[in-house]
Amino acid sequence: MSYLGWAQKSCFYMSYLSECFPGKEINVLEIGVDRGQTALPLIHNLIYRGLDFHWIGVDIRADMGFNEQLHFMEGINIAENVSYVKANSLDFLPIFVKENPDFIGFDLVMLDGDHNYETVSQELSYLDNITHRCTLCLIDDYNGKHAIKDSFYADNIHHKEIEHKELNREAEKQGVKNAVDDFVEMNSKWTLYNPFPDEDPVILFREGADLIHDKEKNMILFDIKE
């Protein structure tokens, strides 16, 4: 996943959330880590801001370069701060939900896994179980080349040796945008915010959350009311 600038925007929100709830651990889920393009600056910023956090990164392929960099970063306790999981998101999510029935929810969720309608639809189906009322959920590739056209990791030469899910390649609906739009249409508690229609990511947030986007200050946050 590569949101780059959002590693800063989202950390501003994590700091804001920590100020609203002193002593809270910040929980982050990143699906689709790739080489750590977003994860490294994000984790660095969380450390720099002095936040108590736990980042979970899930990718179908483990990147050894990224993993090695994590172990050389000061301020990280691998056992406590980061969990780098080699798994298919469609295997990880149901297991996580089952094993953590009392989990309050991630504060930041970033979805950039396999770019097809079936995978994204299944990932989104777990949002109610892994989020709370002020979770910031970022979805990549909504506006890009995968918006209405499926692609599959199984076709990538760098993923040939990995065991893949058997997914429907002949589906009438394809792409990330169609999956997200259908999810929002069928789940009235979720709202889609597309801050920059020609760019990614888009934001999903729960009904009742008061989203504030200060474009001049380049900040995203929620007006948190008790």
C-alpha atoms as a PDB file:
ATOM      1  CA  MET A   1       0.000   0.000   0.000  1.00  0.00           C
ATOM      2  CA  SER A   2       1.241   3.497  -0.739  1.00  0.00           C
ATOM      3  CA  TYR A   3      -0.752   6.446   0.571  1.00  0.00           C
ATOM      4  CA  LEU A   4       2.403   8.424   1.403  1.00  0.00           C
ATOM      5  CA  GLY A   5       0.896  11.785   2.426  1.00  0.00           C
ATOM      6  CA  TRP A   6      -1.776  10.020   4.414  1.00  0.00           C
ATOM      7  CA  ALA A   7       0.864   8.624   6.743  1.00  0.00           C
ATOM      8  CA  GLN A   8       1.025  12.163   8.096  1.00  0.00           C
ATOM      9  CA  LYS A   9      -2.678  13.043   7.926  1.00  0.00           C
ATOM     10  CA  SER A  10      -3.740   9.850   9.677  1.00  0.00           C
ATOM     11  CA  CYS A  11      -1.104  10.274  12.417  1.00  0.00           C
ATOM     12  CA  PHE A  12      -2.430  13.740  13.137  1.00  0.00           C
ATOM     13  CA  TYR A  13      -5.795  12.122  13.741  1.00  0.00           C
ATOM     14  CA  MET A  14      -4.262   9.385  15.902  1.00  0.00           C
ATOM     15  CA  SER A  15      -2.668  12.100  18.072  1.00  0.00           C
ATOM     16  CA  TYR A  16      -5.992  13.899  18.316  1.00  0.00           C
ATOM     17  CA  LEU A  17      -7.710  10.665  19.320  1.00  0.00           C
ATOM     18  CA  SER A  18      -5.064  10.010  21.959  1.00  0.00           C
ATOM     19  CA  GLU A  19      -5.615  13.472  23.410  1.00  0.00           C
ATOM     20  CA  CYS A  20      -9.375  12.881  23.575  1.00  0.00           C
ATOM     21  CA  PHE A  21      -8.888   9.547  25.341  1.00  0.00           C
ATOM     22  CA  PRO A  22      -5.712   9.752  27.482  1.00  0.00           C
ATOM     23  CA  GLY A  23      -3.974   6.411  27.947  1.00  0.00           C
ATOM     24  CA  LYS A  24      -5.678   4.840  24.931  1.00  0.00           C
ATOM     25  CA  GLU A  25      -3.625   2.454  22.799  1.00  0.00           C
ATOM     26  CA  ILE A  26      -3.818   3.330  19.105  1.00  0.00           C
ATOM     27  CA  ASN A  27      -4.632   0.293  16.960  1.00  0.00           C
ATOM     28  CA  VAL A  28      -3.883   0.263  13.241  1.00  0.00           C
ATOM     29  CA  LEU A  29      -4.695  -2.371  10.614  1.00  0.00           C
ATOM     30  CA  GLU A  30      -2.999  -2.193   7.223  1.00  0.00           C
ATOM     31  CA  ILE A  31      -4.048  -4.754   4.621  1.00  0.00           C
ATOM     32  CA  GLY A  32      -1.667  -4.747   1.693  1.00  0.00           C
ATOM     33  CA  VAL A  33       1.720  -3.714   3.059  1.00  0.00           C
ATOM     34  CA  ASP A  34       3.782  -4.385  -0.071  1.00  0.00           C
ATOM     35  CA  ARG A  35       7.297  -3.037   0.613  1.00  0.00           C
ATOM     36  CA  GLY A  36       6.224  -0.833   3.514  1.00  0.00           C
ATOM     37  CA  GLN A  37       5.938   2.407   1.540  1.00  0.00           C
ATOM     38  CA  THR A  38       3.207   3.675   3.883  1.00  0.00           C
ATOM     39  CA  ALA A  39       3.933   1.519   6.920  1.00  0.00           C
ATOM     40  CA  LEU A  40       7.458   2.826   7.529  1.00  0.00           C
ATOM     41  CA  PRO A  41       6.619   6.555   7.659  1.00  0.00           C
ATOM     42  CA  LEU A  42       3.383   5.789   9.504  1.00  0.00           C
ATOM     43  CA  ILE A  43       5.140   3.783  12.227  1.00  0.00           C
ATOM     44  CA  HIS A  44       7.908   6.380  12.406  1.00  0.00           C
ATOM     45  CA  ASN A  45       5.338   9.149  12.902  1.00  0.00           C
ATOM     46  CA  LEU A  46       3.545   7.181  15.633  1.00  0.00           C
ATOM     47  CA  ILE A  47       6.856   6.744  17.454  1.00  0.00           C
ATOM     48  CA  TYR A  48       7.826  10.394  16.914  1.00  0.00           C
ATOM     49  CA  ARG A  49       4.527  11.559  18.404  1.00  0.00           C
ATOM     50  CA  GLY A  50       5.094   9.351  21.440  1.00  0.00           C
ATOM     51  CA  LEU A  51       1.900   7.371  20.961  1.00  0.00           C
ATOM     52  CA  ASP A  52       1.211   3.987  22.519  1.00  0.00           C
ATOM     53  CA  PHE A  53       0.311   1.943  19.467  1.00  0.00           C
ATOM     54  CA  HIS A  54      -0.023  -1.487  17.905  1.00  0.00           C
ATOM     55  CA  TRP A  55       0.270  -1.752  14.130  1.00  0.00           C
ATOM     56  CA  ILE A  56      -0.885  -4.939  12.391  1.00  0.00           C
ATOM     57  CA  GLY A  57       0.167  -5.354   8.791  1.00  0.00           C
ATOM     58  CA  VAL A  58      -1.257  -8.143   6.632  1.00  0.00           C
ATOM     59  CA  ASP A  59       0.112  -9.118   3.246  1.00  0.00           C
ATOM     60  CA  ILE A  60      -0.028 -12.257   1.152  1.00  0.00           C
ATOM     61  CA  ARG A  61       3.720 -11.906   0.558  1.00  0.00           C
ATOM     62  CA  ALA A  62       6.281 -11.128   3.255  1.00  0.00           C
ATOM     63  CA  ASP A  63       8.805  -8.499   2.172  1.00  0.00           C
ATOM     64  CA  MET A  64      12.122  -9.320   3.835  1.00  0.00           C
ATOM     65  CA  GLY A  65      13.530  -5.836   3.250  1.00  0.00           C
ATOM     66  CA  PHE A  66      10.636  -4.220   5.070  1.00  0.00           C
ATOM     67  CA  ASN A  67      10.776  -6.802   7.854  1.00  0.00           C
ATOM     68  CA  GLU A  68      14.489  -6.137   8.357  1.00  0.00           C
ATOM     69  CA  GLN A  69      13.935  -2.381   8.515  1.00  0.00           C
ATOM     70  CA  LEU A  70      11.350  -2.852  11.258  1.00  0.00           C
ATOM     71  CA  HIS A  71      13.902  -4.660  13.395  1.00  0.00           C
ATOM     72  CA  PHE A  72      16.401  -1.806  13.057  1.00  0.00           C
ATOM     73  CA  MET A  73      13.963   0.986  13.956  1.00  0.00           C
ATOM     74  CA  GLU A  74      14.430   2.533  17.385  1.00  0.00           C
ATOM     75  CA  GLY A  75      11.319   2.855  19.516  1.00  0.00           C
ATOM     76  CA  ILE A  76       9.769  -0.416  18.343  1.00  0.00           C
ATOM     77  CA  ASN A  77       9.166  -3.483  20.419  1.00  0.00           C
ATOM     78  CA  ILE A  78       8.359  -6.085  17.783  1.00  0.00           C
ATOM     79  CA  ALA A  79       6.261  -8.143  20.179  1.00  0.00           C
ATOM     80  CA  GLU A  80       4.262  -5.181  21.485  1.00  0.00           C
ATOM     81  CA  ASN A  81       4.174  -2.486  18.794  1.00  0.00           C
ATOM     82  CA  VAL A  82       4.070  -4.316  15.474  1.00  0.00           C
ATOM     83  CA  SER A  83       2.652  -7.535  14.073  1.00  0.00           C
ATOM     84  CA  TYR A  84       3.625  -8.324  10.488  1.00  0.00           C
ATOM     85  CA  VAL A  85       1.407 -11.148   9.294  1.00  0.00           C
ATOM     86  CA  LYS A  86       1.885 -13.166   6.110  1.00  0.00           C
ATOM     87  CA  ALA A  87      -1.654 -14.180   5.221  1.00  0.00           C
ATOM     88  CA  ASN A  88      -4.510 -13.652   2.822  1.00  0.00           C
ATOM     89  CA  SER A  89      -6.826 -11.004   4.249  1.00  0.00           C
ATOM     90  CA  LEU A  90      -9.793 -13.318   3.650  1.00  0.00           C
ATOM     91  CA  ASP A  91      -8.181 -15.833   6.014  1.00  0.00           C
ATOM     92  CA  PHE A  92      -6.884 -13.299   8.534  1.00  0.00           C
ATOM     93  CA  LEU A  93     -10.079 -11.294   9.091  1.00  0.00           C
ATOM     94  CA  PRO A  94     -12.470 -14.103  10.140  1.00  0.00           C
ATOM     95  CA  ILE A  95      -9.806 -15.597  12.412  1.00  0.00           C
ATOM     96  CA  PHE A  96      -9.060 -12.215  14.014  1.00  0.00           C
ATOM     97  CA  VAL A  97     -12.755 -11.532  14.622  1.00  0.00           C
ATOM     98  CA  LYS A  98     -13.301 -14.991  16.120  1.00  0.00           C
ATOM     99  CA  GLU A  99     -10.251 -14.791  18.389  1.00  0.00           C
ATOM    100  CA  ASN A 100     -10.939 -11.216  19.557  1.00  0.00           C
ATOM    101  CA  PRO A 101     -14.672 -11.060  20.344  1.00  0.00           C
ATOM    102  CA  ASP A 102     -14.246  -8.155  22.797  1.00  0.00           C
ATOM    103  CA  PHE A 103     -11.968  -6.055  20.586  1.00  0.00           C
ATOM    104  CA  ILE A 104     -13.076  -2.417  20.722  1.00  0.00           C
ATOM    105  CA  GLY A 105     -11.929  -1.690  17.178  1.00  0.00           C
ATOM    106  CA  PHE A 106      -9.052  -0.339  15.125  1.00  0.00           C
ATOM    107  CA  ASP A 107      -8.630   3.426  15.056  1.00  0.00           C
ATOM    108  CA  LEU A 108      -7.220   3.346  11.539  1.00  0.00           C
ATOM    109  CA  VAL A 109      -7.983   0.738   8.871  1.00  0.00           C
ATOM    110  CA  MET A 110      -6.252   0.831   5.489  1.00  0.00           C
ATOM    111  CA  LEU A 111      -7.426  -1.519   2.742  1.00  0.00           C
ATOM    112  CA  ASP A 112      -5.252  -2.151  -0.292  1.00  0.00           C
ATOM    113  CA  GLY A 113      -5.346  -5.903  -0.784  1.00  0.00           C
ATOM    114  CA  ASP A 114      -6.277  -7.814  -3.928  1.00  0.00           C
ATOM    115  CA  HIS A 115      -7.969  -5.362  -6.292  1.00  0.00           C
ATOM    116  CA  ASN A 116     -11.121  -7.195  -7.268  1.00  0.00           C
ATOM    117  CA  TYR A 117     -14.800  -6.958  -6.430  1.00  0.00           C
ATOM    118  CA  GLU A 118     -15.041 -10.250  -4.566  1.00  0.00           C
ATOM    119  CA  THR A 119     -12.062  -9.668  -2.273  1.00  0.00           C
ATOM    120  CA  VAL A 120     -12.935  -6.065  -1.431  1.00  0.00           C
ATOM    121  CA  SER A 121     -16.563  -6.981  -0.768  1.00  0.00           C
ATOM    122  CA  GLN A 122     -15.527  -9.698   1.670  1.00  0.00           C
ATOM    123  CA  GLU A 123     -13.009  -7.431   3.417  1.00  0.00           C
ATOM    124  CA  LEU A 124     -15.625  -4.713   3.854  1.00  0.00           C
ATOM    125  CA  SER A 125     -18.086  -7.212   5.334  1.00  0.00           C
ATOM    126  CA  TYR A 126     -15.887  -7.369   8.466  1.00  0.00           C
ATOM    127  CA  LEU A 127     -15.795  -3.617   9.095  1.00  0.00           C
ATOM    128  CA  ASP A 128     -18.581  -3.682  11.680  1.00  0.00           C
ATOM    129  CA  ASN A 129     -16.555  -6.189  13.723  1.00  0.00           C
ATOM    130  CA  ILE A 130     -13.207  -4.370  13.646  1.00  0.00           C
ATOM    131  CA  THR A 131     -14.111  -0.661  13.897  1.00  0.00           C
ATOM    132  CA  HIS A 132     -15.634   1.794  16.373  1.00  0.00           C
ATOM    133  CA  ARG A 133     -17.670   4.946  15.829  1.00  0.00           C
ATOM    134  CA  CYS A 134     -14.650   7.123  15.052  1.00  0.00           C
ATOM    135  CA  THR A 135     -12.503   4.748  13.020  1.00  0.00           C
ATOM    136  CA  LEU A 136     -10.817   6.304  10.002  1.00  0.00           C
ATOM    137  CA  CYS A 137     -11.047   3.778   7.173  1.00  0.00           C
ATOM    138  CA  LEU A 138      -9.005   4.444   4.025  1.00  0.00           C
ATOM    139  CA  ILE A 139      -9.670   2.576   0.786  1.00  0.00           C
ATOM    140  CA  ASP A 140      -7.116   2.678  -2.027  1.00  0.00           C
ATOM    141  CA  ASP A 141      -7.730   2.267  -5.784  1.00  0.00           C
ATOM    142  CA  TYR A 142     -11.316   3.529  -5.697  1.00  0.00           C
ATOM    143  CA  ASN A 143     -10.525   6.190  -8.278  1.00  0.00           C
ATOM    144  CA  GLY A 144      -7.704   4.467 -10.139  1.00  0.00           C
ATOM    145  CA  LYS A 145      -7.264   1.814 -12.770  1.00  0.00           C
ATOM    146  CA  HIS A 146      -8.805  -0.874 -10.545  1.00  0.00           C
ATOM    147  CA  ALA A 147     -12.017   1.107  -9.978  1.00  0.00           C
ATOM    148  CA  ILE A 148     -14.242  -0.932 -12.306  1.00  0.00           C
ATOM    149  CA  LYS A 149     -11.813  -3.581 -13.544  1.00  0.00           C
ATOM    150  CA  ASP A 150     -10.713  -6.581 -11.497  1.00  0.00           C
ATOM    151  CA  SER A 151      -7.099  -7.566 -11.084  1.00  0.00           C
ATOM    152  CA  PHE A 152      -5.663 -10.524  -9.192  1.00  0.00           C
ATOM    153  CA  TYR A 153      -2.410 -11.109  -7.335  1.00  0.00           C
ATOM    154  CA  ALA A 154      -2.402 -14.570  -8.864  1.00  0.00           C
ATOM    155  CA  ASP A 155      -1.536 -12.972 -12.215  1.00  0.00           C
ATOM    156  CA  ASN A 156       1.454 -11.081 -10.826  1.00  0.00           C
ATOM    157  CA  ILE A 157       4.798 -12.672 -11.601  1.00  0.00           C
ATOM    158  CA  HIS A 158       6.043 -11.768  -8.110  1.00  0.00           C
ATOM    159  CA  HIS A 159       3.200 -13.747  -6.514  1.00  0.00           C
ATOM    160  CA  LYS A 160       3.314 -16.873  -8.676  1.00  0.00           C
ATOM    161  CA  GLU A 161       4.630 -19.125  -5.905  1.00  0.00           C
ATOM    162  CA  ILE A 162       1.894 -18.130  -3.456  1.00  0.00           C
ATOM    163  CA  GLU A 163      -1.246 -20.153  -2.900  1.00  0.00           C
ATOM    164  CA  HIS A 164      -4.183 -18.019  -3.998  1.00  0.00           C
ATOM    165  CA  LYS A 165      -7.925 -18.074  -3.428  1.00  0.00           C
ATOM    166  CA  GLU A 166     -10.158 -19.308  -6.214  1.00  0.00           C
ATOM    167  CA  LEU A 167     -12.079 -16.149  -7.072  1.00  0.00           C
ATOM    168  CA  ASN A 168     -14.792 -15.508  -9.616  1.00  0.00           C
ATOM    169  CA  ARG A 169     -13.149 -14.006 -12.695  1.00  0.00           C
ATOM    170  CA  GLU A 170     -16.383 -13.885 -14.693  1.00  0.00           C
ATOM    171  CA  ALA A 171     -18.387 -11.750 -12.274  1.00  0.00           C
ATOM    172  CA  GLU A 172     -20.727  -9.187 -13.797  1.00  0.00           C
ATOM    173  CA  LYS A 173     -19.493  -6.514 -11.388  1.00  0.00           C
ATOM    174  CA  GLN A 174     -15.794  -5.811 -11.089  1.00  0.00           C
ATOM    175  CA  GLY A 175     -13.442  -3.427  -9.363  1.00  0.00           C
ATOM    176  CA  VAL A 176     -12.865  -1.671  -6.068  1.00  0.00           C
ATOM    177  CA  LYS A 177     -15.265   1.213  -6.692  1.00  0.00           C
ATOM    178  CA  ASN A 178     -18.193  -1.079  -7.438  1.00  0.00           C
ATOM    179  CA  ALA A 179     -17.488  -3.133  -4.313  1.00  0.00           C
ATOM    180  CA  VAL A 180     -17.317  -0.029  -2.093  1.00  0.00           C
ATOM    181  CA  ASP A 181     -20.393   1.596  -3.631  1.00  0.00           C
ATOM    182  CA  ASP A 182     -22.436  -1.589  -3.187  1.00  0.00           C
ATOM    183  CA  PHE A 183     -21.266  -1.924   0.420  1.00  0.00           C
ATOM    184  CA  VAL A 184     -22.334   1.629   1.250  1.00  0.00           C
ATOM    185  CA  GLU A 185     -25.674   1.167  -0.506  1.00  0.00           C
ATOM    186  CA  MET A 186     -26.410  -2.008   1.479  1.00  0.00           C
ATOM    187  CA  ASN A 187     -25.047  -0.724   4.811  1.00  0.00           C
ATOM    188  CA  SER A 188     -26.705   2.537   5.762  1.00  0.00           C
ATOM    189  CA  LYS A 189     -24.528   2.999   8.854  1.00  0.00           C
ATOM    190  CA  TRP A 190     -21.504   3.668   6.611  1.00  0.00           C
ATOM    191  CA  THR A 191     -20.776   6.859   4.668  1.00  0.00           C
ATOM    192  CA  LEU A 192     -18.363   7.316   1.771  1.00  0.00           C
ATOM    193  CA  TYR A 193     -16.283  10.487   1.517  1.00  0.00           C
ATOM    194  CA  ASN A 194     -14.285  11.043  -1.647  1.00  0.00           C
ATOM    195  CA  PRO A 195     -12.129  14.089  -0.769  1.00  0.00           C
ATOM    196  CA  PHE A 196     -10.241  14.266  -4.061  1.00  0.00           C
ATOM    197  CA  PRO A 197     -12.316  12.620  -6.843  1.00  0.00           C
ATOM    198  CA  ASP A 198      -9.314  12.119  -9.118  1.00  0.00           C
ATOM    199  CA  GLU A 199      -7.086  10.682  -6.395  1.00  0.00           C
ATOM    200  CA  ASP A 200      -7.018   7.986  -3.745  1.00  0.00           C
ATOM    201  CA  PRO A 201      -7.773   7.069  -1.073  1.00  0.00           C
ATOM    202  CA  VAL A 202     -11.440   7.473  -0.233  1.00  0.00           C
ATOM    203  CA  ILE A 203     -12.727   7.425   3.330  1.00  0.00           C
ATOM    204  CA  LEU A 204     -15.401   5.262   4.900  1.00  0.00           C
ATOM    205  CA  PHE A 205     -16.782   6.255   8.281  1.00  0.00           C
ATOM    206  CA  ARG A 206     -19.665   5.217  10.493  1.00  0.00           C
ATOM    207  CA  GLU A 207     -23.014   6.944  10.741  1.00  0.00           C
ATOM    208  CA  GLY A 208     -22.980   9.556  13.481  1.00  0.00           C
ATOM    209  CA  ALA A 209     -19.287  10.344  13.183  1.00  0.00           C
ATOM    210  CA  ASP A 210     -18.797  14.027  12.409  1.00  0.00           C
ATOM    211  CA  LEU A 211     -15.998  14.090   9.839  1.00  0.00           C
ATOM    212  CA  ILE A 212     -13.997  17.296   9.560  1.00  0.00           C
ATOM    213  CA  HIS A 213     -11.739  17.865   6.556  1.00  0.00           C
ATOM    214  CA  ASP A 214      -9.719  21.050   6.832  1.00  0.00           C
ATOM    215  CA  LYS A 215      -8.275  21.264   3.322  1.00  0.00           C
ATOM    216  CA  GLU A 216      -6.345  24.438   4.087  1.00  0.00           C
ATOM    217  CA  LYS A 217      -4.510  22.769   6.983  1.00  0.00           C
ATOM    218  CA  ASN A 218      -4.528  19.401   5.193  1.00  0.00           C
ATOM    219  CA  MET A 219      -6.112  17.620   8.186  1.00  0.00           C
ATOM    220  CA  ILE A 220      -8.734  14.919   8.600  1.00  0.00           C
ATOM    221  CA  LEU A 221     -10.371  14.267  11.972  1.00  0.00           C
ATOM    222  CA  PHE A 222     -13.678  13.601  13.673  1.00  0.00           C
ATOM    223  CA  ASP A 223     -15.485  15.915  16.057  1.00  0.00           C
ATOM    224  CA  ILE A 224     -15.576  13.497  18.975  1.00  0.00           C
ATOM    225  CA  LYS A 225     -18.521  14.076  21.282  1.00  0.00           C
ATOM    226  CA  GLU A 226     -19.068  12.086  24.447  1.00  0.00           C
END
